[in-house]
Each structure stands twice: as structure tokens, then as C-alpha cells.
Amino acid sequence: RALPERNRFMKGLYAWVGFSSAAIDYEPLPRADGQTNYGLGGSFRLALTGMVAFSTAPLRLLTAAGLLLAIGALGYGSWVIVDHFRSGIEVPGYATIVVALMFFSGIQLLGLGILAEYVGRIYDEVKQRPPYLILRRSGAGLGSARAEAASPAQVQDASLL
């Protein structure tokens, strides 16, 4: 109940809550019956869920790609201008079209990246994960030692007891 998100990436949530983990080497036995229905598509969806559930890195990568493309377009445009004055050889309209296309594509990617940052932050808020977890509460009538999510108001109430 404390984590109401619908697309749960349990491996990430276990680490996020703070459970310790360890690697265990084993050799799986052959499958007793039938074949798995978890194919490449399921693996891809799991990887995508793991990537977007706990990271805004793909969104920031989009922003960086747009910025680099726009800077690259400006650099290429400068090189085309210098090359034109040095050698005088040109294909009419080529440089203008390529530079404009690269520059505006970069600006669009930059804008999409900024928009994606906002969407990513909204996504974090919509998941309604608690800002922290309480391992143990103590005081009169609070005998539960299990980990639970709490709002700041609950913590203040528990500290008053």
C-alpha cells in the first residue's frame, strides 16, 4: 500500500528500500516441462521498465544529444564558411540546407529533452513513493517493528509519543 505505482520493477524497489543483496552462483536445472513464454519482447519491456523507473538518464541523454547536435551544426556551419572563402568550391544551397537542418534538429532535441525532464519529474511524483521509510517506531502502543512507509506527519506524531 505504501508504493502505489502500477508498473513495479521489484528488483529496483528492493534495492531502493534498502534490502541487502548478494550474488549466488548456481547452475539452473533443465526446465521440467514446456517452454518459457518470456521471450525477447518481455525481456525488452523489463529492461525498459528498469531503466525508466529509477533513472532520468535517458531523458538527460536526449537533452545532451540535442545540445551536441546544435553545437555540431554551428561548428560545421563555421567550417563550411571558412572552406568557402579558402577554396571557393561549393554546391549551391548544400551548406545552408545541411547546417539549418542540423541546427534546428538539435534545437528540437534540446527542447524535447527539457520537456522530458519535466515529464520525468512528474512521473516521479505520480508514483507517490514515500520520501523515506521508517524501520522501527517506538513509544506507547507502537509495537510494530516491521518496515513501513510514513508521511512526515506520521513521524512527527510518533516522536510526540
C-alpha atoms as a PDB file:
ATOM      1  CA  ARG A   1       0.000   0.000   0.000  1.00  0.00           C
ATOM      2  CA  ALA A   2       2.904   2.361   0.583  1.00  0.00           C
ATOM      3  CA  LEU A   3       4.115   2.041  -3.020  1.00  0.00           C
ATOM      4  CA  PRO A   4       1.006   2.552  -5.164  1.00  0.00           C
ATOM      5  CA  GLU A   5       2.755   2.560  -8.536  1.00  0.00           C
ATOM      6  CA  ARG A   6       1.312   0.206 -11.130  1.00  0.00           C
ATOM      7  CA  ASN A   7       4.445  -0.789 -13.101  1.00  0.00           C
ATOM      8  CA  ARG A   8       6.590  -2.103 -10.289  1.00  0.00           C
ATOM      9  CA  PHE A   9      10.188  -3.001 -11.031  1.00  0.00           C
ATOM     10  CA  MET A  10      10.702  -5.200  -7.995  1.00  0.00           C
ATOM     11  CA  LYS A  11      14.469  -5.625  -8.306  1.00  0.00           C
ATOM     12  CA  GLY A  12      14.864  -1.864  -8.195  1.00  0.00           C
ATOM     13  CA  LEU A  13      12.356  -1.445  -5.367  1.00  0.00           C
ATOM     14  CA  TYR A  14      14.202  -3.987  -3.209  1.00  0.00           C
ATOM     15  CA  ALA A  15      17.408  -2.001  -3.603  1.00  0.00           C
ATOM     16  CA  TRP A  16      15.582   1.322  -3.138  1.00  0.00           C
ATOM     17  CA  VAL A  17      14.029   0.183   0.158  1.00  0.00           C
ATOM     18  CA  GLY A  18      17.477  -0.843   1.363  1.00  0.00           C
ATOM     19  CA  PHE A  19      17.354  -4.627   1.489  1.00  0.00           C
ATOM     20  CA  SER A  20      20.824  -6.114   1.317  1.00  0.00           C
ATOM     21  CA  SER A  21      21.599  -8.306  -1.656  1.00  0.00           C
ATOM     22  CA  ALA A  22      24.248 -10.826  -2.575  1.00  0.00           C
ATOM     23  CA  ALA A  23      25.186 -12.747  -5.699  1.00  0.00           C
ATOM     24  CA  ILE A  24      24.691 -16.503  -5.592  1.00  0.00           C
ATOM     25  CA  ASP A  25      26.329 -18.659  -8.245  1.00  0.00           C
ATOM     26  CA  TYR A  26      24.258 -21.616  -9.365  1.00  0.00           C
ATOM     27  CA  GLU A  27      23.617 -23.765 -12.401  1.00  0.00           C
ATOM     28  CA  PRO A  28      19.937 -23.907 -13.296  1.00  0.00           C
ATOM     29  CA  LEU A  29      18.410 -27.322 -13.821  1.00  0.00           C
ATOM     30  CA  PRO A  30      16.804 -28.084 -17.168  1.00  0.00           C
ATOM     31  CA  ARG A  31      13.190 -26.967 -17.388  1.00  0.00           C
ATOM     32  CA  ALA A  32      10.866 -29.730 -16.188  1.00  0.00           C
ATOM     33  CA  ASP A  33       8.017 -29.065 -18.583  1.00  0.00           C
ATOM     34  CA  GLY A  34       7.301 -26.936 -21.632  1.00  0.00           C
ATOM     35  CA  GLN A  35       8.995 -23.767 -22.752  1.00  0.00           C
ATOM     36  CA  THR A  36       9.104 -20.318 -21.287  1.00  0.00           C
ATOM     37  CA  ASN A  37       6.688 -17.718 -22.595  1.00  0.00           C
ATOM     38  CA  TYR A  38       9.006 -14.923 -21.503  1.00  0.00           C
ATOM     39  CA  GLY A  39      10.713 -14.067 -24.771  1.00  0.00           C
ATOM     40  CA  LEU A  40      12.707 -11.206 -26.189  1.00  0.00           C
ATOM     41  CA  GLY A  41       9.767  -8.785 -26.002  1.00  0.00           C
ATOM     42  CA  GLY A  42       9.230  -9.453 -22.295  1.00  0.00           C
ATOM     43  CA  SER A  43      12.935  -9.034 -21.607  1.00  0.00           C
ATOM     44  CA  PHE A  44      12.947  -5.744 -23.501  1.00  0.00           C
ATOM     45  CA  ARG A  45       9.914  -4.464 -21.534  1.00  0.00           C
ATOM     46  CA  LEU A  46      11.573  -5.465 -18.248  1.00  0.00           C
ATOM     47  CA  ALA A  47      14.786  -3.653 -19.215  1.00  0.00           C
ATOM     48  CA  LEU A  48      12.854  -0.560 -20.282  1.00  0.00           C
ATOM     49  CA  THR A  49      10.836  -0.541 -17.051  1.00  0.00           C
ATOM     50  CA  GLY A  50      14.028  -0.856 -15.024  1.00  0.00           C
ATOM     51  CA  MET A  51      15.612   1.978 -16.951  1.00  0.00           C
ATOM     52  CA  VAL A  52      12.770   4.476 -16.660  1.00  0.00           C
ATOM     53  CA  ALA A  53      11.508   3.550 -13.172  1.00  0.00           C
ATOM     54  CA  PHE A  54      14.653   4.641 -11.356  1.00  0.00           C
ATOM     55  CA  SER A  55      16.564   6.897 -13.703  1.00  0.00           C
ATOM     56  CA  THR A  56      16.162  10.084 -15.669  1.00  0.00           C
ATOM     57  CA  ALA A  57      19.386   9.333 -17.548  1.00  0.00           C
ATOM     58  CA  PRO A  58      17.614   8.582 -20.863  1.00  0.00           C
ATOM     59  CA  LEU A  59      15.877  11.956 -20.651  1.00  0.00           C
ATOM     60  CA  ARG A  60      19.135  13.743 -19.932  1.00  0.00           C
ATOM     61  CA  LEU A  61      20.808  11.848 -22.762  1.00  0.00           C
ATOM     62  CA  LEU A  62      18.199  13.268 -25.137  1.00  0.00           C
ATOM     63  CA  THR A  63      18.946  16.783 -23.889  1.00  0.00           C
ATOM     64  CA  ALA A  64      22.692  16.279 -24.278  1.00  0.00           C
ATOM     65  CA  ALA A  65      22.254  14.837 -27.781  1.00  0.00           C
ATOM     66  CA  GLY A  66      20.219  17.858 -28.849  1.00  0.00           C
ATOM     67  CA  LEU A  67      22.747  20.273 -27.417  1.00  0.00           C
ATOM     68  CA  LEU A  68      25.664  18.460 -29.050  1.00  0.00           C
ATOM     69  CA  LEU A  69      23.867  18.349 -32.399  1.00  0.00           C
ATOM     70  CA  ALA A  70      23.141  22.078 -32.270  1.00  0.00           C
ATOM     71  CA  ILE A  71      26.756  22.872 -31.326  1.00  0.00           C
ATOM     72  CA  GLY A  72      27.997  20.499 -34.039  1.00  0.00           C
ATOM     73  CA  ALA A  73      25.798  22.260 -36.592  1.00  0.00           C
ATOM     74  CA  LEU A  74      27.234  25.633 -35.619  1.00  0.00           C
ATOM     75  CA  GLY A  75      30.761  24.230 -35.868  1.00  0.00           C
ATOM     76  CA  TYR A  76      30.055  22.630 -39.231  1.00  0.00           C
ATOM     77  CA  GLY A  77      28.476  25.841 -40.489  1.00  0.00           C
ATOM     78  CA  SER A  78      31.578  27.771 -39.456  1.00  0.00           C
ATOM     79  CA  TRP A  79      33.806  25.246 -41.218  1.00  0.00           C
ATOM     80  CA  VAL A  80      31.706  25.473 -44.417  1.00  0.00           C
ATOM     81  CA  ILE A  81      32.003  29.274 -44.417  1.00  0.00           C
ATOM     82  CA  VAL A  82      35.775  29.168 -43.868  1.00  0.00           C
ATOM     83  CA  ASP A  83      36.167  26.450 -46.532  1.00  0.00           C
ATOM     84  CA  HIS A  84      34.140  28.507 -49.000  1.00  0.00           C
ATOM     85  CA  PHE A  85      36.404  31.517 -48.598  1.00  0.00           C
ATOM     86  CA  ARG A  86      39.547  29.362 -48.749  1.00  0.00           C
ATOM     87  CA  SER A  87      38.800  27.167 -51.754  1.00  0.00           C
ATOM     88  CA  GLY A  88      35.786  28.804 -53.338  1.00  0.00           C
ATOM     89  CA  ILE A  89      34.231  25.444 -54.290  1.00  0.00           C
ATOM     90  CA  GLU A  90      30.620  24.957 -53.311  1.00  0.00           C
ATOM     91  CA  VAL A  91      27.435  23.191 -54.255  1.00  0.00           C
ATOM     92  CA  PRO A  92      24.706  25.824 -54.330  1.00  0.00           C
ATOM     93  CA  GLY A  93      22.390  25.560 -51.313  1.00  0.00           C
ATOM     94  CA  TYR A  94      24.041  22.447 -49.871  1.00  0.00           C
ATOM     95  CA  ALA A  95      25.707  24.089 -46.895  1.00  0.00           C
ATOM     96  CA  THR A  96      22.685  26.171 -45.993  1.00  0.00           C
ATOM     97  CA  ILE A  97      20.324  23.202 -46.040  1.00  0.00           C
ATOM     98  CA  VAL A  98      22.622  20.873 -44.094  1.00  0.00           C
ATOM     99  CA  VAL A  99      23.534  23.438 -41.437  1.00  0.00           C
ATOM    100  CA  ALA A 100      19.935  24.597 -40.998  1.00  0.00           C
ATOM    101  CA  LEU A 101      18.668  21.023 -40.795  1.00  0.00           C
ATOM    102  CA  MET A 102      21.293  20.025 -38.232  1.00  0.00           C
ATOM    103  CA  PHE A 103      20.832  23.164 -36.158  1.00  0.00           C
ATOM    104  CA  PHE A 104      17.048  23.026 -35.981  1.00  0.00           C
ATOM    105  CA  SER A 105      17.101  19.286 -35.344  1.00  0.00           C
ATOM    106  CA  GLY A 106      19.449  19.916 -32.453  1.00  0.00           C
ATOM    107  CA  ILE A 107      17.245  22.679 -31.081  1.00  0.00           C
ATOM    108  CA  GLN A 108      14.202  20.389 -31.311  1.00  0.00           C
ATOM    109  CA  LEU A 109      16.024  17.603 -29.491  1.00  0.00           C
ATOM    110  CA  LEU A 110      17.162  20.070 -26.847  1.00  0.00           C
ATOM    111  CA  GLY A 111      13.573  21.233 -26.375  1.00  0.00           C
ATOM    112  CA  LEU A 112      12.339  17.646 -26.219  1.00  0.00           C
ATOM    113  CA  GLY A 113      14.996  16.884 -23.639  1.00  0.00           C
ATOM    114  CA  ILE A 114      13.899  19.783 -21.453  1.00  0.00           C
ATOM    115  CA  LEU A 115      10.275  18.714 -21.816  1.00  0.00           C
ATOM    116  CA  ALA A 116      11.295  15.151 -20.972  1.00  0.00           C
ATOM    117  CA  GLU A 117      12.894  16.414 -17.749  1.00  0.00           C
ATOM    118  CA  TYR A 118       9.551  17.864 -16.720  1.00  0.00           C
ATOM    119  CA  VAL A 119       7.735  14.653 -17.646  1.00  0.00           C
ATOM    120  CA  GLY A 120      10.297  12.621 -15.702  1.00  0.00           C
ATOM    121  CA  ARG A 121       9.796  14.729 -12.590  1.00  0.00           C
ATOM    122  CA  ILE A 122       6.028  14.460 -12.931  1.00  0.00           C
ATOM    123  CA  TYR A 123       6.438  10.691 -13.270  1.00  0.00           C
ATOM    124  CA  ASP A 124       8.449  10.592 -10.036  1.00  0.00           C
ATOM    125  CA  GLU A 125       5.688  12.485  -8.228  1.00  0.00           C
ATOM    126  CA  VAL A 126       2.871  10.371  -9.664  1.00  0.00           C
ATOM    127  CA  LYS A 127       4.481   7.164  -8.387  1.00  0.00           C
ATOM    128  CA  GLN A 128       3.899   8.516  -4.848  1.00  0.00           C
ATOM    129  CA  ARG A 129       6.857   6.751  -3.322  1.00  0.00           C
ATOM    130  CA  PRO A 130       7.364   7.857   0.257  1.00  0.00           C
ATOM    131  CA  PRO A 131      10.325  10.189   0.764  1.00  0.00           C
ATOM    132  CA  TYR A 132      11.745   7.859   3.414  1.00  0.00           C
ATOM    133  CA  LEU A 133      10.972   4.591   5.194  1.00  0.00           C
ATOM    134  CA  ILE A 134      10.669   4.001   8.934  1.00  0.00           C
ATOM    135  CA  LEU A 135      12.407   0.845  10.065  1.00  0.00           C
ATOM    136  CA  ARG A 136      11.095   0.891  13.610  1.00  0.00           C
ATOM    137  CA  ARG A 137       8.754   3.052  15.644  1.00  0.00           C
ATOM    138  CA  SER A 138       8.938   3.136  19.383  1.00  0.00           C
ATOM    139  CA  GLY A 139       6.658   4.523  22.025  1.00  0.00           C
ATOM    140  CA  ALA A 140       3.425   3.683  23.822  1.00  0.00           C
ATOM    141  CA  GLY A 141       1.169   1.480  21.719  1.00  0.00           C
ATOM    142  CA  LEU A 142       3.571   1.264  18.772  1.00  0.00           C
ATOM    143  CA  GLY A 143       4.783  -2.339  18.935  1.00  0.00           C
ATOM    144  CA  SER A 144       5.320  -2.858  15.220  1.00  0.00           C
ATOM    145  CA  ALA A 145       8.947  -3.454  14.236  1.00  0.00           C
ATOM    146  CA  ARG A 146       8.327  -4.035  10.552  1.00  0.00           C
ATOM    147  CA  ALA A 147       9.490  -1.521   7.973  1.00  0.00           C
ATOM    148  CA  GLU A 148       6.731   0.743   6.765  1.00  0.00           C
ATOM    149  CA  ALA A 149       6.355   3.876   4.747  1.00  0.00           C
ATOM    150  CA  ALA A 150       5.409   7.013   6.568  1.00  0.00           C
ATOM    151  CA  SER A 151       4.492  10.531   5.791  1.00  0.00           C
ATOM    152  CA  PRO A 152       6.237  13.373   7.660  1.00  0.00           C
ATOM    153  CA  ALA A 153       3.064  13.838   9.734  1.00  0.00           C
ATOM    154  CA  GLN A 154       3.233  10.229  10.951  1.00  0.00           C
ATOM    155  CA  VAL A 155       6.835  10.671  12.024  1.00  0.00           C
ATOM    156  CA  GLN A 156       6.005  13.821  13.968  1.00  0.00           C
ATOM    157  CA  ASP A 157       3.119  12.008  15.674  1.00  0.00           C
ATOM    158  CA  ALA A 158       5.372   9.070  16.581  1.00  0.00           C
ATOM    159  CA  SER A 159       8.038  11.330  18.049  1.00  0.00           C
ATOM    160  CA  LEU A 160       5.496  13.041  20.295  1.00  0.00           C
ATOM    161  CA  LEU A 161       4.622   9.753  21.994  1.00  0.00           C
END
